[in-house]
């Protein structure tokens, strides 16, 4: 469509150009008639030379040749032709031929042909072949120079357009990759938060049901834990699903005005996380260093790793002791989450939790291990550089 429109514009411009030349030729011929009338044949030949320029782009060799022959014949028939507009016709014909040259070899041949043809036409006027040749070389040289400038400008324009298109495609590719990476990150967060909350709720519900008759207070505490854990998970889920939907707000912002404002969890909330561990598990926390110096993304990632490790312990083992070690150094954060449990009989195979933890750590260029310790439970370690990647 764009090519067709450009072709239509060029065709119409050529029609207007030819029309302007025809009007000028007619006026000049009429004015000259009062002094030294030129023949009708001369006028007709100039009209033909101007008229055929309408198709100069379609036949850039044949049409200029016709124009040259017509103008040469008009000069041969009468010295009182229309020299001003005849010269314009000759220049346009020469430029058309030279500009359409598809190669350097073709360009040289066409330049030489234009010099020869123009020398013949000029010689009919000045009656000096050497002077005619010099003038023709100068004129064709200018036309060739203009042609090369136009080609260079066109090539530069194409290069700029190509660079812009390439940059736009690269920006779109990076945007798609960023969106994909962000959705994967949100999916991990959603998995960690919801899985942890559901696991805690199931265990508390089981314990509460057993204690309902003989210890109502303990059962009430279990149900309170289920309520608070579920509410927190719901807030996080709405916040993250809102980001998946429109990138800014939760799915139900009208009903949860604070959901979209809830900040992502950090290691400073570690005590709240470990408070959800079942009462029968002894928790030992050893934290060194300043948690406030952690970059936000590292902070949240570290929390999610501990959360997933704790969730896996609750789901898949009968651990009696949980040890969490956090060491913040000047250039890195080291995490160790160890439990002394053994896999519970009939436990399902691990899902995406360990895979998600490994991918989180890999995104920061860190190291991650998760392996069973012979005779001493399961150990998760993560080493996260504090320098966030660009």
Protein backbone atom coordinates (compact mmCIF):
# COMPACT_ATOMS: atom_id res chain seq x y z
CA UNK A 1 0.00 0.00 0.00
CA UNK A 2 2.79 2.42 0.93
CA UNK A 3 4.70 1.64 -2.29
CA UNK A 4 1.56 2.20 -4.35
CA UNK A 5 0.92 5.57 -2.72
CA UNK A 6 4.52 6.68 -3.33
CA UNK A 7 4.18 5.65 -6.98
CA UNK A 8 0.97 7.65 -7.33
CA UNK A 9 2.57 10.76 -5.83
CA UNK A 10 5.58 10.51 -8.14
CA UNK A 11 3.38 9.95 -11.19
CA UNK A 12 1.27 12.99 -10.40
CA UNK A 13 4.36 15.12 -9.79
CA UNK A 14 5.68 14.13 -13.21
CA UNK A 15 2.35 15.04 -14.78
CA UNK A 16 2.42 18.46 -13.12
CA UNK A 17 6.04 18.96 -14.20
CA UNK A 18 5.20 18.16 -17.82
CA UNK A 19 2.16 20.43 -17.66
CA UNK A 20 4.28 23.31 -16.37
CA UNK A 21 6.82 22.80 -19.16
CA UNK A 22 4.06 22.71 -21.78
CA UNK A 23 2.62 25.98 -20.51
CA UNK A 24 6.06 27.61 -20.49
CA UNK A 25 6.87 26.35 -23.99
CA UNK A 26 3.57 27.65 -25.31
CA UNK A 27 3.99 31.11 -23.78
CA UNK A 28 7.60 31.39 -25.00
CA UNK A 29 6.66 30.29 -28.51
CA UNK A 30 3.83 32.84 -28.66
CA UNK A 31 6.06 35.68 -27.39
CA UNK A 32 8.88 34.78 -29.79
CA UNK A 33 6.42 34.78 -32.66
CA UNK A 34 6.22 38.60 -32.57
CA UNK A 35 9.96 38.92 -33.25
CA UNK A 36 11.28 35.91 -35.11
CA UNK A 37 8.61 33.30 -35.52
CA UNK A 38 9.73 29.73 -35.16
CA UNK A 39 8.09 26.99 -37.10
CA UNK A 40 5.23 24.90 -35.87
CA UNK A 41 7.45 21.82 -36.14
CA UNK A 42 9.80 23.27 -33.51
CA UNK A 43 6.93 23.93 -31.16
CA UNK A 44 5.52 20.44 -31.63
CA UNK A 45 8.90 18.80 -31.03
CA UNK A 46 9.35 20.69 -27.75
CA UNK A 47 5.82 19.77 -26.71
CA UNK A 48 6.58 16.10 -27.42
CA UNK A 49 9.84 16.27 -25.46
CA UNK A 50 8.03 17.77 -22.46
CA UNK A 51 5.02 15.45 -22.70
CA UNK A 52 6.99 12.19 -22.75
CA UNK A 53 8.64 13.11 -19.43
CA UNK A 54 5.44 11.93 -17.75
CA UNK A 55 6.74 8.37 -18.23
CA UNK A 56 10.40 9.06 -17.49
CA UNK A 57 10.47 6.85 -14.37
CA UNK A 58 8.97 3.87 -16.21
CA UNK A 59 11.50 3.96 -19.05
CA UNK A 60 14.53 5.93 -17.79
CA UNK A 61 16.55 5.22 -20.96
CA UNK A 62 13.98 5.30 -23.76
CA UNK A 63 12.09 8.41 -22.60
CA UNK A 64 15.23 10.59 -22.17
CA UNK A 65 16.41 9.40 -25.59
CA UNK A 66 13.12 10.52 -27.15
CA UNK A 67 13.41 13.87 -25.35
CA UNK A 68 17.01 14.34 -26.56
CA UNK A 69 16.10 13.57 -30.18
CA UNK A 70 13.08 15.89 -30.08
CA UNK A 71 15.02 18.81 -28.59
CA UNK A 72 17.97 18.26 -30.95
CA UNK A 73 15.60 18.28 -33.91
CA UNK A 74 13.96 21.50 -32.67
CA UNK A 75 17.36 23.24 -32.41
CA UNK A 76 18.30 21.94 -35.85
CA UNK A 77 15.12 23.25 -37.45
CA UNK A 78 15.25 26.73 -35.93
CA UNK A 79 17.61 28.76 -33.79
CA UNK A 80 14.56 30.53 -32.38
CA UNK A 81 13.33 27.53 -30.50
CA UNK A 82 12.48 27.66 -26.75
CA UNK A 83 16.02 27.31 -25.27
CA UNK A 84 15.14 27.89 -21.63
CA UNK A 85 12.58 25.12 -21.39
CA UNK A 86 14.49 22.97 -23.86
CA UNK A 87 17.45 23.06 -21.46
CA UNK A 88 15.21 22.09 -18.55
CA UNK A 89 13.98 19.12 -20.58
CA UNK A 90 17.54 18.07 -21.41
CA UNK A 91 18.64 18.33 -17.76
CA UNK A 92 15.66 16.32 -16.53
CA UNK A 93 16.20 13.67 -19.19
CA UNK A 94 19.89 13.38 -18.29
CA UNK A 95 19.22 13.23 -14.57
CA UNK A 96 16.56 10.55 -15.07
CA UNK A 97 18.92 8.35 -17.04
CA UNK A 98 21.84 8.74 -14.66
CA UNK A 99 19.78 8.38 -11.48
CA UNK A 100 18.26 5.08 -12.67
CA UNK A 101 21.62 3.41 -13.28
CA UNK A 102 21.58 0.06 -11.41
CA UNK A 103 25.38 -0.31 -11.14
CA UNK A 104 28.63 1.63 -11.35
CA UNK A 105 29.36 0.26 -14.80
CA UNK A 106 25.91 1.28 -16.01
CA UNK A 107 26.37 4.70 -14.42
CA UNK A 108 29.62 5.30 -16.31
CA UNK A 109 28.06 4.25 -19.62
CA UNK A 110 25.02 6.47 -19.12
CA UNK A 111 27.13 9.46 -18.10
CA UNK A 112 29.22 9.06 -21.26
CA UNK A 113 26.07 8.72 -23.39
CA UNK A 114 24.57 11.86 -21.85
CA UNK A 115 27.77 13.81 -22.49
CA UNK A 116 27.74 12.72 -26.13
CA UNK A 117 24.06 13.50 -26.68
CA UNK A 118 24.28 16.83 -24.93
CA UNK A 119 27.42 17.76 -26.88
CA UNK A 120 25.51 17.28 -30.13
CA UNK A 121 22.61 19.44 -28.94
CA UNK A 122 24.81 22.24 -27.60
CA UNK A 123 26.94 22.19 -30.77
CA UNK A 124 23.82 22.95 -32.80
CA UNK A 125 23.51 26.20 -30.84
CA UNK A 126 27.09 27.40 -30.27
CA UNK A 127 28.59 25.90 -33.45
CA UNK A 128 31.79 24.97 -31.58
CA UNK A 129 32.26 21.28 -30.86
CA UNK A 130 35.02 21.76 -28.25
CA UNK A 131 33.03 24.37 -26.34
CA UNK A 132 29.95 22.19 -26.60
CA UNK A 133 31.89 19.22 -25.20
CA UNK A 134 33.25 21.23 -22.25
CA UNK A 135 29.81 22.61 -21.42
CA UNK A 136 28.27 19.15 -21.68
CA UNK A 137 30.90 17.62 -19.38
CA UNK A 138 30.25 20.35 -16.82
CA UNK A 139 26.48 19.97 -16.98
CA UNK A 140 26.52 16.16 -16.84
CA UNK A 141 29.08 16.33 -14.04
CA UNK A 142 26.72 18.46 -11.98
CA UNK A 143 23.83 16.08 -12.74
CA UNK A 144 25.97 13.09 -11.70
CA UNK A 145 27.03 14.83 -8.50
CA UNK A 146 23.39 15.58 -7.64
CA UNK A 147 22.52 11.95 -8.39
CA UNK A 148 25.22 10.63 -6.05
CA UNK A 149 24.13 13.02 -3.31
CA UNK A 150 20.52 11.87 -3.68
CA UNK A 151 21.58 8.21 -3.60
CA UNK A 152 23.68 8.78 -0.52
CA UNK A 153 20.79 10.56 1.20
CA UNK A 154 18.44 7.75 0.25
CA UNK A 155 20.86 5.11 1.51
CA UNK A 156 21.33 7.01 4.76
CA UNK A 157 17.57 7.26 5.16
CA UNK A 158 17.18 3.51 4.60
CA UNK A 159 19.96 2.84 7.09
CA UNK A 160 18.29 5.04 9.68
CA UNK A 161 14.94 3.37 9.07
CA UNK A 162 16.59 -0.04 9.39
CA UNK A 163 18.33 1.00 12.61
CA UNK A 164 15.07 2.33 14.04
CA UNK A 165 13.22 -0.86 13.09
CA UNK A 166 16.01 -2.99 14.55
CA UNK A 167 16.05 -0.95 17.75
CA UNK A 168 12.27 -1.17 17.99
CA UNK A 169 12.36 -4.94 17.49
CA UNK A 170 15.12 -5.27 20.10
CA UNK A 171 13.13 -3.13 22.55
CA UNK A 172 10.04 -5.27 21.99
CA UNK A 173 12.09 -8.44 22.48
CA UNK A 174 13.55 -7.13 25.73
CA UNK A 175 10.12 -6.04 26.88
CA UNK A 176 8.72 -9.51 26.17
CA UNK A 177 11.62 -11.11 28.03
CA UNK A 178 11.15 -8.74 30.94
CA UNK A 179 7.42 -9.47 31.07
CA UNK A 180 8.08 -13.21 30.94
CA UNK A 181 10.72 -12.99 33.67
CA UNK A 182 8.42 -10.89 35.84
CA UNK A 183 5.53 -13.32 35.40
CA UNK A 184 7.81 -16.22 36.31
CA UNK A 185 8.92 -14.32 39.40
CA UNK A 186 5.33 -13.59 40.37
CA UNK A 187 4.38 -17.23 39.79
CA UNK A 188 7.18 -18.27 42.15
CA UNK A 189 6.05 -15.79 44.77
CA UNK A 190 2.48 -16.94 44.40
CA UNK A 191 3.53 -20.56 44.68
CA UNK A 192 5.65 -19.91 47.79
CA UNK A 193 3.11 -17.74 49.58
CA UNK A 194 0.01 -19.82 48.86
CA UNK A 195 1.72 -23.18 49.36
CA UNK A 196 3.10 -22.10 52.71
CA UNK A 197 -0.24 -20.70 53.87
CA UNK A 198 -2.21 -23.75 52.78
CA UNK A 199 0.27 -26.13 54.36
CA UNK A 200 0.12 -24.28 57.68
CA UNK A 201 -3.67 -24.08 57.50
CA UNK A 202 -4.01 -27.83 56.86
CA UNK A 203 -1.74 -28.73 59.75
CA UNK A 204 -3.45 -26.30 62.12
CA UNK A 205 -6.87 -27.58 61.04
CA UNK A 206 -5.83 -31.17 61.77
CA UNK A 207 -4.43 -30.21 65.16
CA UNK A 208 -7.45 -28.04 65.99
CA UNK A 209 -9.85 -30.83 65.16
CA UNK A 210 -8.01 -33.18 67.51
CA UNK A 211 -7.98 -30.58 70.30
CA UNK A 212 -11.50 -29.30 69.80
CA UNK A 213 -13.05 -31.45 72.55
CA UNK A 214 -10.28 -31.75 75.12
CA UNK A 215 -8.56 -28.35 74.77
CA UNK A 216 -10.86 -25.71 73.24
CA UNK A 217 -8.39 -22.88 73.91
CA UNK A 218 -5.62 -24.60 71.96
CA UNK A 219 -8.10 -25.39 69.19
CA UNK A 220 -9.18 -21.74 69.10
CA UNK A 221 -5.53 -20.70 68.78
CA UNK A 222 -5.10 -23.10 65.86
CA UNK A 223 -8.16 -21.68 64.14
CA UNK A 224 -6.90 -18.13 64.74
CA UNK A 225 -3.63 -19.10 63.08
CA UNK A 226 -5.54 -20.52 60.12
CA UNK A 227 -7.50 -17.29 59.81
CA UNK A 228 -4.50 -14.96 59.96
CA UNK A 229 -2.38 -17.11 57.67
CA UNK A 230 -5.17 -17.40 55.12
CA UNK A 231 -5.85 -13.65 55.19
CA UNK A 232 -2.19 -12.88 54.63
CA UNK A 233 -2.00 -15.35 51.76
CA UNK A 234 -5.15 -13.88 50.23
CA UNK A 235 -3.73 -10.36 50.34
CA UNK A 236 -0.49 -11.48 48.69
CA UNK A 237 -2.35 -13.51 46.10
CA UNK A 238 -4.58 -10.57 45.16
CA UNK A 239 -1.61 -8.27 44.94
CA UNK A 240 0.32 -10.61 42.65
CA UNK A 241 -2.67 -11.53 40.51
CA UNK A 242 -3.35 -7.82 40.14
CA UNK A 243 0.14 -7.37 38.77
CA UNK A 244 -0.44 -10.25 36.34
CA UNK A 245 -3.68 -8.62 35.18
CA UNK A 246 -2.67 -4.99 34.62
CA UNK A 247 0.77 -4.57 36.09
CA UNK A 248 -0.28 -2.10 38.80
CA UNK A 249 -3.28 -2.97 40.94
CA UNK A 250 -4.77 -6.02 42.60
CA UNK A 251 -7.66 -7.87 41.09
CA UNK A 252 -10.11 -6.57 43.64
CA UNK A 253 -8.72 -3.25 44.75
CA UNK A 254 -12.13 -1.89 45.69
CA UNK A 255 -12.58 -4.51 48.37
CA UNK A 256 -8.94 -4.69 49.47
CA UNK A 257 -7.67 -1.12 49.30
CA UNK A 258 -4.44 -2.00 51.05
CA UNK A 259 -3.69 -5.12 49.03
CA UNK A 260 -1.87 -3.29 46.24
CA UNK A 261 0.07 -1.31 48.83
CA UNK A 262 1.30 -4.36 50.72
CA UNK A 263 5.10 -4.45 50.35
CA UNK A 264 6.81 -7.71 49.44
CA UNK A 265 8.05 -9.74 52.43
CA UNK A 266 11.57 -9.22 53.75
CA UNK A 267 13.96 -11.01 56.06
CA UNK A 268 12.89 -8.66 58.84
CA UNK A 269 9.66 -10.65 58.88
CA UNK A 270 11.52 -13.90 59.50
CA UNK A 271 10.19 -14.20 63.04
CA UNK A 272 6.60 -13.96 61.75
CA UNK A 273 7.33 -16.71 59.25
CA UNK A 274 8.90 -19.03 61.80
CA UNK A 275 6.00 -18.43 64.16
CA UNK A 276 3.88 -20.54 61.82
CA UNK A 277 6.06 -23.60 62.39
CA UNK A 278 4.12 -26.32 64.30
CA UNK A 279 4.64 -26.18 68.08
CA UNK A 280 6.37 -29.57 68.15
CA UNK A 281 9.31 -28.29 66.14
CA UNK A 282 12.12 -26.51 67.99
CA UNK A 283 13.30 -23.48 66.04
CA UNK A 284 16.81 -22.12 66.30
CA UNK A 285 17.65 -18.85 64.50
CA UNK A 286 21.17 -17.49 64.17
CA UNK A 287 21.35 -14.15 62.31
CA UNK A 288 24.49 -12.05 61.91
CA UNK A 289 24.99 -8.82 60.03
CA UNK A 290 22.68 -5.91 59.19
CA UNK A 291 19.51 -7.05 57.44
CA UNK A 292 18.64 -3.47 56.53
CA UNK A 293 21.53 -3.28 54.07
CA UNK A 294 20.05 -5.97 51.84
CA UNK A 295 18.89 -4.81 48.39
CA UNK A 296 15.10 -5.17 48.06
CA UNK A 297 15.16 -7.97 45.49
CA UNK A 298 17.75 -9.96 47.45
CA UNK A 299 15.78 -9.39 50.64
CA UNK A 300 12.55 -10.75 49.17
CA UNK A 301 14.32 -13.65 47.46
CA UNK A 302 16.00 -14.69 50.70
CA UNK A 303 12.66 -14.64 52.54
CA UNK A 304 11.04 -16.77 49.84
CA UNK A 305 13.85 -19.31 50.01
CA UNK A 306 13.49 -19.69 53.77
CA UNK A 307 9.71 -19.83 53.38
CA UNK A 308 9.89 -22.58 50.77
CA UNK A 309 12.42 -24.58 52.81
CA UNK A 310 10.18 -24.36 55.89
CA UNK A 311 7.11 -25.31 53.85
CA UNK A 312 8.87 -28.36 52.41
CA UNK A 313 9.92 -29.43 55.91
CA UNK A 314 6.35 -29.19 57.19
CA UNK A 315 4.88 -31.00 54.18
CA UNK A 316 7.38 -33.78 53.64
CA UNK A 317 9.06 -34.68 56.93
CA UNK A 318 8.53 -35.30 60.65
CA UNK A 319 11.22 -32.88 61.78
CA UNK A 320 11.75 -32.09 65.45
CA UNK A 321 14.28 -29.33 65.01
CA UNK A 322 14.71 -26.49 62.53
CA UNK A 323 17.86 -24.38 62.34
CA UNK A 324 17.98 -21.20 60.27
CA UNK A 325 21.29 -19.39 59.78
CA UNK A 326 21.46 -15.97 58.17
CA UNK A 327 24.81 -14.28 57.56
CA UNK A 328 24.93 -10.82 56.01
CA UNK A 329 28.38 -9.86 54.82
CA UNK A 330 29.67 -6.85 52.89
CA UNK A 331 29.18 -8.48 49.51
CA UNK A 332 26.89 -11.45 49.98
CA UNK A 333 24.10 -13.06 51.97
CA UNK A 334 24.39 -16.69 53.04
CA UNK A 335 21.37 -18.75 54.11
CA UNK A 336 21.24 -22.19 55.68
CA UNK A 337 17.99 -23.92 56.55
CA UNK A 338 18.47 -27.33 58.15
CA UNK A 339 15.92 -29.72 59.61
CA UNK A 340 16.54 -33.07 61.24
CA UNK A 341 13.52 -34.79 59.75
CA UNK A 342 13.31 -37.76 57.44
CA UNK A 343 10.82 -38.00 54.57
CA UNK A 344 7.38 -38.87 55.82
CA UNK A 345 6.10 -42.24 54.65
CA UNK A 346 3.91 -41.83 51.58
CA UNK A 347 5.03 -38.24 51.02
CA UNK A 348 4.52 -37.01 47.48
CA UNK A 349 7.51 -36.19 45.26
CA UNK A 350 8.72 -32.62 45.49
CA UNK A 351 6.99 -30.12 43.19
CA UNK A 352 8.43 -26.89 41.86
CA UNK A 353 9.66 -25.52 45.18
CA UNK A 354 13.31 -26.52 44.91
CA UNK A 355 13.37 -25.67 41.21
CA UNK A 356 11.97 -22.23 42.01
CA UNK A 357 14.55 -21.65 44.76
CA UNK A 358 17.37 -22.65 42.44
CA UNK A 359 16.13 -20.33 39.69
CA UNK A 360 15.76 -17.45 42.12
CA UNK A 361 19.36 -17.81 43.26
CA UNK A 362 20.64 -18.29 39.70
CA UNK A 363 19.00 -15.00 38.71
CA UNK A 364 21.44 -13.24 41.08
CA UNK A 365 24.47 -15.25 39.99
CA UNK A 366 24.56 -17.06 43.33
CA UNK A 367 24.90 -20.70 44.35
CA UNK A 368 22.25 -23.02 45.71
CA UNK A 369 22.16 -26.55 47.12
CA UNK A 370 19.34 -28.65 48.50
CA UNK A 371 20.22 -32.16 49.57
CA UNK A 372 19.51 -34.79 52.16
CA UNK A 373 22.08 -35.11 54.94
CA UNK A 374 22.77 -38.78 55.71
CA UNK A 375 21.35 -39.43 59.14
CA UNK A 376 20.74 -35.74 59.89
CA UNK A 377 17.82 -34.49 57.83
CA UNK A 378 17.76 -32.03 54.96
CA UNK A 379 19.88 -28.94 54.29
CA UNK A 380 19.16 -25.98 52.03
CA UNK A 381 21.94 -23.45 51.41
CA UNK A 382 21.95 -20.31 49.31
CA UNK A 383 24.64 -17.75 48.63
CA UNK A 384 23.33 -14.48 47.15
CA UNK A 385 25.60 -11.64 45.97
CA UNK A 386 24.37 -8.30 47.26
CA UNK A 387 25.15 -6.50 44.01
CA UNK A 388 21.89 -6.54 42.11
CA UNK A 389 22.11 -7.35 38.42
CA UNK A 390 21.18 -4.61 35.95
